[in-house]
C-alpha atoms as a PDB file:
ATOM      1  CA  UNK A   1     -27.058  18.726 -13.540  1.00  0.00           C
ATOM      2  CA  UNK A   2     -23.550  20.030 -12.635  1.00  0.00           C
ATOM      3  CA  UNK A   3     -20.436  17.859 -13.902  1.00  0.00           C
ATOM      4  CA  UNK A   4     -18.137  18.371 -10.937  1.00  0.00           C
ATOM      5  CA  UNK A   5     -20.110  15.791  -8.789  1.00  0.00           C
ATOM      6  CA  UNK A   6     -19.048  13.279 -11.269  1.00  0.00           C
ATOM      7  CA  UNK A   7     -15.056  14.135 -11.185  1.00  0.00           C
ATOM      8  CA  UNK A   8     -14.324  12.181  -7.912  1.00  0.00           C
ATOM      9  CA  UNK A   9     -15.952   9.319  -9.027  1.00  0.00           C
ATOM     10  CA  UNK A  10     -14.303   9.315 -12.316  1.00  0.00           C
ATOM     11  CA  UNK A  11     -11.354   9.492 -10.434  1.00  0.00           C
ATOM     12  CA  UNK A  12     -11.870   6.670  -8.380  1.00  0.00           C
ATOM     13  CA  UNK A  13     -12.634   4.572 -11.475  1.00  0.00           C
ATOM     14  CA  UNK A  14      -9.421   5.208 -13.193  1.00  0.00           C
ATOM     15  CA  UNK A  15      -8.284   3.659  -9.572  1.00  0.00           C
ATOM     16  CA  UNK A  16     -10.028   0.606 -10.433  1.00  0.00           C
ATOM     17  CA  UNK A  17      -9.320   0.266 -14.044  1.00  0.00           C
ATOM     18  CA  UNK A  18      -5.509   0.552 -13.086  1.00  0.00           C
ATOM     19  CA  UNK A  19      -6.506  -2.166 -10.484  1.00  0.00           C
ATOM     20  CA  UNK A  20      -8.048  -4.692 -13.163  1.00  0.00           C
ATOM     21  CA  UNK A  21      -5.041  -4.152 -15.149  1.00  0.00           C
ATOM     22  CA  UNK A  22      -2.425  -4.580 -12.605  1.00  0.00           C
ATOM     23  CA  UNK A  23      -4.224  -8.030 -11.931  1.00  0.00           C
ATOM     24  CA  UNK A  24      -4.263  -9.327 -15.217  1.00  0.00           C
ATOM     25  CA  UNK A  25      -0.694  -8.123 -15.282  1.00  0.00           C
ATOM     26  CA  UNK A  26       0.196 -10.210 -12.505  1.00  0.00           C
ATOM     27  CA  UNK A  27      -1.522 -13.235 -13.626  1.00  0.00           C
ATOM     28  CA  UNK A  28       0.499 -13.115 -16.804  1.00  0.00           C
ATOM     29  CA  UNK A  29       3.324 -13.076 -14.406  1.00  0.00           C
ATOM     30  CA  UNK A  30       4.276  -9.001 -15.476  1.00  0.00           C
ATOM     31  CA  UNK A  31       5.141  -7.950 -12.127  1.00  0.00           C
ATOM     32  CA  UNK A  32       6.850  -4.584 -13.195  1.00  0.00           C
ATOM     33  CA  UNK A  33       4.025  -3.338 -15.011  1.00  0.00           C
ATOM     34  CA  UNK A  34       1.832  -4.645 -12.113  1.00  0.00           C
ATOM     35  CA  UNK A  35       3.795  -2.500  -9.707  1.00  0.00           C
ATOM     36  CA  UNK A  36       3.557   0.872 -12.147  1.00  0.00           C
ATOM     37  CA  UNK A  37      -0.134   0.199 -12.651  1.00  0.00           C
ATOM     38  CA  UNK A  38      -0.698   0.157  -8.621  1.00  0.00           C
ATOM     39  CA  UNK A  39       1.710   3.282  -8.304  1.00  0.00           C
ATOM     40  CA  UNK A  40      -0.621   5.189 -10.630  1.00  0.00           C
ATOM     41  CA  UNK A  41      -3.923   3.854  -8.627  1.00  0.00           C
ATOM     42  CA  UNK A  42      -2.291   5.256  -5.614  1.00  0.00           C
ATOM     43  CA  UNK A  43      -1.810   8.531  -7.055  1.00  0.00           C
ATOM     44  CA  UNK A  44      -5.531   8.326  -8.186  1.00  0.00           C
ATOM     45  CA  UNK A  45      -6.597   7.074  -4.972  1.00  0.00           C
ATOM     46  CA  UNK A  46      -5.160  10.221  -3.083  1.00  0.00           C
ATOM     47  CA  UNK A  47      -6.572  12.702  -5.721  1.00  0.00           C
ATOM     48  CA  UNK A  48     -10.435  11.094  -5.636  1.00  0.00           C
ATOM     49  CA  UNK A  49     -10.765  12.021  -1.964  1.00  0.00           C
ATOM     50  CA  UNK A  50      -8.719  15.454  -2.590  1.00  0.00           C
ATOM     51  CA  UNK A  51     -11.055  16.259  -5.255  1.00  0.00           C
ATOM     52  CA  UNK A  52     -14.282  15.357  -3.483  1.00  0.00           C
ATOM     53  CA  UNK A  53     -13.532  17.477  -0.133  1.00  0.00           C
ATOM     54  CA  UNK A  54     -12.488  20.453  -2.348  1.00  0.00           C
ATOM     55  CA  UNK A  55     -15.185  20.465  -4.895  1.00  0.00           C
ATOM     56  CA  UNK A  56     -17.820  19.697  -1.832  1.00  0.00           C
ATOM     57  CA  UNK A  57     -19.188  16.522  -3.571  1.00  0.00           C
ATOM     58  CA  UNK A  58     -18.331  13.843  -0.912  1.00  0.00           C
ATOM     59  CA  UNK A  59     -21.189  11.359  -0.946  1.00  0.00           C
ATOM     60  CA  UNK A  60     -21.543   7.772   0.484  1.00  0.00           C
ATOM     61  CA  UNK A  61     -21.766   6.322  -2.971  1.00  0.00           C
ATOM     62  CA  UNK A  62     -18.026   7.942  -3.524  1.00  0.00           C
ATOM     63  CA  UNK A  63     -16.970   6.248  -0.503  1.00  0.00           C
ATOM     64  CA  UNK A  64     -18.321   2.854  -1.121  1.00  0.00           C
ATOM     65  CA  UNK A  65     -17.100   3.122  -4.565  1.00  0.00           C
ATOM     66  CA  UNK A  66     -13.510   4.029  -3.138  1.00  0.00           C
ATOM     67  CA  UNK A  67     -13.664   0.989  -1.029  1.00  0.00           C
ATOM     68  CA  UNK A  68     -14.567  -1.546  -3.657  1.00  0.00           C
ATOM     69  CA  UNK A  69     -12.152  -0.002  -6.073  1.00  0.00           C
ATOM     70  CA  UNK A  70      -9.419   0.030  -3.167  1.00  0.00           C
ATOM     71  CA  UNK A  71     -10.424  -3.707  -2.441  1.00  0.00           C
ATOM     72  CA  UNK A  72      -9.294  -4.586  -6.282  1.00  0.00           C
ATOM     73  CA  UNK A  73      -6.226  -2.353  -6.628  1.00  0.00           C
ATOM     74  CA  UNK A  74      -4.678  -2.610  -2.974  1.00  0.00           C
ATOM     75  CA  UNK A  75      -6.140  -5.833  -1.751  1.00  0.00           C
ATOM     76  CA  UNK A  76      -6.339  -8.529  -4.515  1.00  0.00           C
ATOM     77  CA  UNK A  77      -3.263  -7.307  -6.385  1.00  0.00           C
ATOM     78  CA  UNK A  78      -0.746  -7.225  -3.516  1.00  0.00           C
ATOM     79  CA  UNK A  79      -2.061 -10.715  -2.549  1.00  0.00           C
ATOM     80  CA  UNK A  80      -1.492 -12.297  -6.062  1.00  0.00           C
ATOM     81  CA  UNK A  81       1.617 -10.451  -6.725  1.00  0.00           C
ATOM     82  CA  UNK A  82       3.154 -12.260  -3.303  1.00  0.00           C
ATOM     83  CA  UNK A  83       1.460 -15.421  -4.518  1.00  0.00           C
ATOM     84  CA  UNK A  84       2.651 -15.166  -8.297  1.00  0.00           C
ATOM     85  CA  UNK A  85       6.273 -14.488  -6.848  1.00  0.00           C
ATOM     86  CA  UNK A  86       6.245 -17.787  -4.656  1.00  0.00           C
ATOM     87  CA  UNK A  87       4.417 -19.934  -7.362  1.00  0.00           C
ATOM     88  CA  UNK A  88       7.289 -19.043 -10.072  1.00  0.00           C
ATOM     89  CA  UNK A  89       9.988 -19.126  -7.557  1.00  0.00           C
ATOM     90  CA  UNK A  90      11.129 -15.337  -7.988  1.00  0.00           C
ATOM     91  CA  UNK A  91      14.998 -15.205  -9.876  1.00  0.00           C
ATOM     92  CA  UNK A  92      14.553 -19.104  -9.742  1.00  0.00           C
ATOM     93  CA  UNK A  93      16.405 -19.992  -7.111  1.00  0.00           C
ATOM     94  CA  UNK A  94      15.553 -23.345  -7.410  1.00  0.00           C
ATOM     95  CA  UNK A  95      17.421 -24.743  -4.172  1.00  0.00           C
ATOM     96  CA  UNK A  96      16.060 -22.347  -2.063  1.00  0.00           C
ATOM     97  CA  UNK A  97      12.501 -23.350  -2.909  1.00  0.00           C
ATOM     98  CA  UNK A  98      12.975 -27.173  -3.382  1.00  0.00           C
ATOM     99  CA  UNK A  99      11.461 -27.794   0.211  1.00  0.00           C
ATOM    100  CA  UNK A 100       8.557 -25.306  -0.483  1.00  0.00           C
ATOM    101  CA  UNK A 101       7.394 -26.710  -3.527  1.00  0.00           C
ATOM    102  CA  UNK A 102       6.962 -30.194  -1.745  1.00  0.00           C
ATOM    103  CA  UNK A 103       4.292 -28.341   0.629  1.00  0.00           C
ATOM    104  CA  UNK A 104       2.926 -26.059  -2.511  1.00  0.00           C
ATOM    105  CA  UNK A 105      -0.245 -25.281   0.016  1.00  0.00           C
ATOM    106  CA  UNK A 106       1.882 -22.538   1.562  1.00  0.00           C
ATOM    107  CA  UNK A 107       1.811 -20.445  -1.654  1.00  0.00           C
ATOM    108  CA  UNK A 108      -1.428 -19.841  -0.816  1.00  0.00           C
ATOM    109  CA  UNK A 109      -1.027 -18.354   2.526  1.00  0.00           C
ATOM    110  CA  UNK A 110      -0.528 -14.565   1.062  1.00  0.00           C
ATOM    111  CA  UNK A 111      -4.037 -14.940  -0.211  1.00  0.00           C
ATOM    112  CA  UNK A 112      -4.941 -13.746   3.585  1.00  0.00           C
ATOM    113  CA  UNK A 113      -4.052 -10.259   2.414  1.00  0.00           C
ATOM    114  CA  UNK A 114      -6.990  -9.559   0.469  1.00  0.00           C
ATOM    115  CA  UNK A 115      -9.106 -11.216   3.159  1.00  0.00           C
ATOM    116  CA  UNK A 116      -7.594  -8.540   5.651  1.00  0.00           C
ATOM    117  CA  UNK A 117      -7.932  -5.649   3.243  1.00  0.00           C
ATOM    118  CA  UNK A 118     -11.427  -6.354   3.227  1.00  0.00           C
ATOM    119  CA  UNK A 119     -11.584  -6.192   6.837  1.00  0.00           C
ATOM    120  CA  UNK A 120      -9.687  -3.050   6.796  1.00  0.00           C
ATOM    121  CA  UNK A 121     -11.717  -1.511   4.392  1.00  0.00           C
ATOM    122  CA  UNK A 122     -14.808  -2.258   6.536  1.00  0.00           C
ATOM    123  CA  UNK A 123     -13.572  -1.376   9.897  1.00  0.00           C
ATOM    124  CA  UNK A 124     -12.560   2.128   8.286  1.00  0.00           C
ATOM    125  CA  UNK A 125     -16.304   2.695   6.376  1.00  0.00           C
ATOM    126  CA  UNK A 126     -17.955   2.227   9.764  1.00  0.00           C
ATOM    127  CA  UNK A 127     -15.167   3.594  12.097  1.00  0.00           C
ATOM    128  CA  UNK A 128     -16.004   7.547  13.069  1.00  0.00           C
ATOM    129  CA  UNK A 129     -12.197   7.945  14.546  1.00  0.00           C
ATOM    130  CA  UNK A 130     -10.605   7.843  11.219  1.00  0.00           C
ATOM    131  CA  UNK A 131     -11.591  11.358   9.870  1.00  0.00           C
ATOM    132  CA  UNK A 132      -8.357  12.719  10.865  1.00  0.00           C
ATOM    133  CA  UNK A 133      -6.136   9.689  11.109  1.00  0.00           C
ATOM    134  CA  UNK A 134      -6.165   5.934  10.255  1.00  0.00           C
ATOM    135  CA  UNK A 135      -6.363   2.855  12.495  1.00  0.00           C
ATOM    136  CA  UNK A 136      -4.119   0.239  11.176  1.00  0.00           C
ATOM    137  CA  UNK A 137      -1.830   0.119   8.155  1.00  0.00           C
ATOM    138  CA  UNK A 138      -3.876   1.738   4.902  1.00  0.00           C
ATOM    139  CA  UNK A 139      -4.293  -0.916   2.311  1.00  0.00           C
ATOM    140  CA  UNK A 140      -2.383   1.537  -0.555  1.00  0.00           C
ATOM    141  CA  UNK A 141       0.236   1.382   1.731  1.00  0.00           C
ATOM    142  CA  UNK A 142       0.232  -2.136   2.036  1.00  0.00           C
ATOM    143  CA  UNK A 143       0.338  -2.709  -1.512  1.00  0.00           C
ATOM    144  CA  UNK A 144       2.771  -0.579  -2.159  1.00  0.00           C
ATOM    145  CA  UNK A 145       5.184  -2.140   0.269  1.00  0.00           C
ATOM    146  CA  UNK A 146       4.294  -5.584  -1.756  1.00  0.00           C
ATOM    147  CA  UNK A 147       4.408  -4.240  -5.359  1.00  0.00           C
ATOM    148  CA  UNK A 148       7.539  -2.710  -4.646  1.00  0.00           C
ATOM    149  CA  UNK A 149       9.299  -5.838  -4.402  1.00  0.00           C
ATOM    150  CA  UNK A 150       9.496  -6.736  -7.862  1.00  0.00           C
ATOM    151  CA  UNK A 151      10.802  -3.150  -8.549  1.00  0.00           C
ATOM    152  CA  UNK A 152      13.523  -3.510  -6.020  1.00  0.00           C
ATOM    153  CA  UNK A 153      14.676  -7.233  -7.281  1.00  0.00           C
ATOM    154  CA  UNK A 154      14.536  -5.942 -10.721  1.00  0.00           C
ATOM    155  CA  UNK A 155      16.431  -2.491 -10.037  1.00  0.00           C
ATOM    156  CA  UNK A 156      18.840  -4.591  -8.584  1.00  0.00           C
ATOM    157  CA  UNK A 157      19.514  -7.134 -10.967  1.00  0.00           C
ATOM    158  CA  UNK A 158      19.529  -4.950 -13.789  1.00  0.00           C
ATOM    159  CA  UNK A 159      21.894  -2.271 -12.460  1.00  0.00           C
ATOM    160  CA  UNK A 160      23.955  -4.784 -10.278  1.00  0.00           C
ATOM    161  CA  UNK A 161      23.993  -2.629  -7.062  1.00  0.00           C
ATOM    162  CA  UNK A 162      24.633  -3.106  -3.703  1.00  0.00           C
ATOM    163  CA  UNK A 163      21.558  -4.920  -2.363  1.00  0.00           C
ATOM    164  CA  UNK A 164      21.960  -8.532  -3.419  1.00  0.00           C
ATOM    165  CA  UNK A 165      22.439 -10.383  -0.049  1.00  0.00           C
ATOM    166  CA  UNK A 166      19.282  -8.298   1.159  1.00  0.00           C
ATOM    167  CA  UNK A 167      17.099  -9.054  -1.731  1.00  0.00           C
ATOM    168  CA  UNK A 168      17.930 -12.580  -1.628  1.00  0.00           C
ATOM    169  CA  UNK A 169      16.921 -12.987   1.739  1.00  0.00           C
ATOM    170  CA  UNK A 170      13.667 -10.848   0.981  1.00  0.00           C
ATOM    171  CA  UNK A 171      12.413 -12.581  -1.781  1.00  0.00           C
ATOM    172  CA  UNK A 172      12.824 -16.220   0.184  1.00  0.00           C
ATOM    173  CA  UNK A 173       9.278 -18.134   0.510  1.00  0.00           C
ATOM    174  CA  UNK A 174       9.250 -18.097   4.224  1.00  0.00           C
ATOM    175  CA  UNK A 175      10.295 -14.307   4.364  1.00  0.00           C
ATOM    176  CA  UNK A 176       7.379 -13.148   1.903  1.00  0.00           C
ATOM    177  CA  UNK A 177       4.591 -15.662   4.039  1.00  0.00           C
ATOM    178  CA  UNK A 178       5.906 -14.174   7.093  1.00  0.00           C
ATOM    179  CA  UNK A 179       5.815 -10.844   5.932  1.00  0.00           C
ATOM    180  CA  UNK A 180       2.375 -11.410   4.488  1.00  0.00           C
ATOM    181  CA  UNK A 181       1.291 -12.400   8.070  1.00  0.00           C
ATOM    182  CA  UNK A 182       2.875  -9.252   9.809  1.00  0.00           C
ATOM    183  CA  UNK A 183       1.374  -7.019   7.122  1.00  0.00           C
ATOM    184  CA  UNK A 184      -2.158  -8.140   6.949  1.00  0.00           C
ATOM    185  CA  UNK A 185      -2.149  -7.816  10.901  1.00  0.00           C
ATOM    186  CA  UNK A 186      -0.914  -4.613  10.778  1.00  0.00           C
ATOM    187  CA  UNK A 187      -4.025  -3.569   8.504  1.00  0.00           C
ATOM    188  CA  UNK A 188      -6.400  -4.518  11.396  1.00  0.00           C
ATOM    189  CA  UNK A 189      -4.523  -3.534  14.244  1.00  0.00           C
ATOM    190  CA  UNK A 190      -5.397  -0.460  16.718  1.00  0.00           C
ATOM    191  CA  UNK A 191      -2.491   1.426  15.528  1.00  0.00           C
ATOM    192  CA  UNK A 192      -3.078   5.020  14.685  1.00  0.00           C
ATOM    193  CA  UNK A 193      -1.516   6.142  11.465  1.00  0.00           C
ATOM    194  CA  UNK A 194      -1.209   9.247   9.647  1.00  0.00           C
ATOM    195  CA  UNK A 195      -3.470  10.045   6.944  1.00  0.00           C
ATOM    196  CA  UNK A 196      -2.642  12.354   4.170  1.00  0.00           C
ATOM    197  CA  UNK A 197      -5.968  14.161   3.991  1.00  0.00           C
ATOM    198  CA  UNK A 198      -5.207  17.714   3.064  1.00  0.00           C
ATOM    199  CA  UNK A 199      -7.589  20.114   4.267  1.00  0.00           C
ATOM    200  CA  UNK A 200      -5.766  23.156   3.212  1.00  0.00           C
ATOM    201  CA  UNK A 201      -1.893  23.292   2.886  1.00  0.00           C
ATOM    202  CA  UNK A 202      -0.913  25.306   5.767  1.00  0.00           C
ATOM    203  CA  UNK A 203       2.017  23.776   7.650  1.00  0.00           C
ATOM    204  CA  UNK A 204       0.133  24.017  10.841  1.00  0.00           C
ATOM    205  CA  UNK A 205      -1.922  20.951  11.575  1.00  0.00           C
ATOM    206  CA  UNK A 206       0.016  19.088   8.545  1.00  0.00           C
ATOM    207  CA  UNK A 207       3.594  18.824   9.975  1.00  0.00           C
ATOM    208  CA  UNK A 208       3.659  15.387   9.703  1.00  0.00           C
ATOM    209  CA  UNK A 209       2.075  14.858   6.403  1.00  0.00           C
ATOM    210  CA  UNK A 210       4.691  17.259   4.915  1.00  0.00           C
ATOM    211  CA  UNK A 211       7.628  15.634   7.045  1.00  0.00           C
ATOM    212  CA  UNK A 212       6.619  12.084   5.498  1.00  0.00           C
ATOM    213  CA  UNK A 213       6.309  13.494   1.628  1.00  0.00           C
ATOM    214  CA  UNK A 214      10.029  14.888   2.555  1.00  0.00           C
ATOM    215  CA  UNK A 215      11.552  11.538   3.831  1.00  0.00           C
ATOM    216  CA  UNK A 216       9.456   9.524   0.877  1.00  0.00           C
ATOM    217  CA  UNK A 217      11.115  11.921  -2.000  1.00  0.00           C
ATOM    218  CA  UNK A 218      14.661  11.555   0.032  1.00  0.00           C
ATOM    219  CA  UNK A 219      14.529   8.016   0.358  1.00  0.00           C
ATOM    220  CA  UNK A 220      13.094   7.574  -3.646  1.00  0.00           C
ATOM    221  CA  UNK A 221      16.115  10.034  -4.922  1.00  0.00           C
ATOM    222  CA  UNK A 222      18.680   8.089  -2.998  1.00  0.00           C
ATOM    223  CA  UNK A 223      17.649   4.669  -3.047  1.00  0.00           C
ATOM    224  CA  UNK A 224      15.557   4.337  -6.007  1.00  0.00           C
ATOM    225  CA  UNK A 225      12.963   1.520  -5.822  1.00  0.00           C
ATOM    226  CA  UNK A 226      14.449   0.328  -2.581  1.00  0.00           C
ATOM    227  CA  UNK A 227      13.625   3.343  -1.044  1.00  0.00           C
ATOM    228  CA  UNK A 228       9.744   2.048  -1.643  1.00  0.00           C
ATOM    229  CA  UNK A 229      10.001   0.251   1.780  1.00  0.00           C
ATOM    230  CA  UNK A 230      11.750   2.609   3.501  1.00  0.00           C
ATOM    231  CA  UNK A 231       8.715   4.941   2.923  1.00  0.00           C
ATOM    232  CA  UNK A 232       6.606   2.584   4.631  1.00  0.00           C
ATOM    233  CA  UNK A 233       8.660   2.194   7.226  1.00  0.00           C
ATOM    234  CA  UNK A 234       8.965   6.199   7.835  1.00  0.00           C
ATOM    235  CA  UNK A 235       4.916   6.164   7.526  1.00  0.00           C
ATOM    236  CA  UNK A 236       4.663   3.758  10.503  1.00  0.00           C
ATOM    237  CA  UNK A 237       7.629   5.304  12.760  1.00  0.00           C
ATOM    238  CA  UNK A 238       6.157   9.167  12.241  1.00  0.00           C
ATOM    239  CA  UNK A 239       3.339   8.072  13.232  1.00  0.00           C
ATOM    240  CA  UNK A 240       4.259   6.696  16.382  1.00  0.00           C
ATOM    241  CA  UNK A 241       6.397   9.730  16.829  1.00  0.00           C
ATOM    242  CA  UNK A 242       3.128  11.824  16.259  1.00  0.00           C
ATOM    243  CA  UNK A 243       1.032   9.575  18.657  1.00  0.00           C
ATOM    244  CA  UNK A 244       3.550  10.113  21.439  1.00  0.00           C
ATOM    245  CA  UNK A 245       4.201  14.056  20.702  1.00  0.00           C
ATOM    246  CA  UNK A 246       0.078  14.628  20.675  1.00  0.00           C
ATOM    247  CA  UNK A 247      -0.572  12.762  24.034  1.00  0.00           C
ATOM    248  CA  UNK A 248       0.287  15.593  26.282  1.00  0.00           C
ATOM    249  CA  UNK A 249      -1.799  18.005  24.708  1.00  0.00           C
ATOM    250  CA  UNK A 250      -4.813  15.712  24.413  1.00  0.00           C
ATOM    251  CA  UNK A 251      -4.459  15.123  28.277  1.00  0.00           C
ATOM    252  CA  UNK A 252      -4.095  18.680  29.100  1.00  0.00           C
ATOM    253  CA  UNK A 253      -7.422  19.634  26.971  1.00  0.00           C
END
């Protein structure tokens, strides 16, 4: 019995463990640690599929396990991160949240994120078009977007950097609710996006993947945690450019 066939599932299990720990940290109000754990889980999520392809041990069970792990880590966790930010009135902007607290049912709206994440994962598992690219925003990208907000706020507050006004608007209750709705829609939208699935490391065929990695490193080095939101925006923008540039060659074929 070969051990190598268990390696991808072991990595996926690490993703799930990180997701469970992130959820407990979120419910305890430790959103910074929750964000770190989601970051570790995202790394595991990348390498489990990569390991399965390289070791040639991909399986239906591995695919289902990956989706179940993603549902916890990248579905439940971001939904509860936004819910928790609304619940505690992040950074205690009491005046800004006064009316919102009179309509407390609004804080449950971000829980649509897990619902649309489940729909996104179900579509992915049954859509043959998503072998080379994604259709709709992947759940890990959506989770990184929302879980980066506590990191950005913490970084801005701790080091007194220049983004106070941006952060002030970003964490307003109706902005968070609006983002929850918009990002949930993007997860199930018919929008082709780049899939970070390297069959090889050659430049040809992976141009936009390498550009995405380059821009991601650049934004994070320059803007630290604030760059994480730019990473997601770059991801969407490069995907749109790839779709536009690939159409002529597809039509000629």
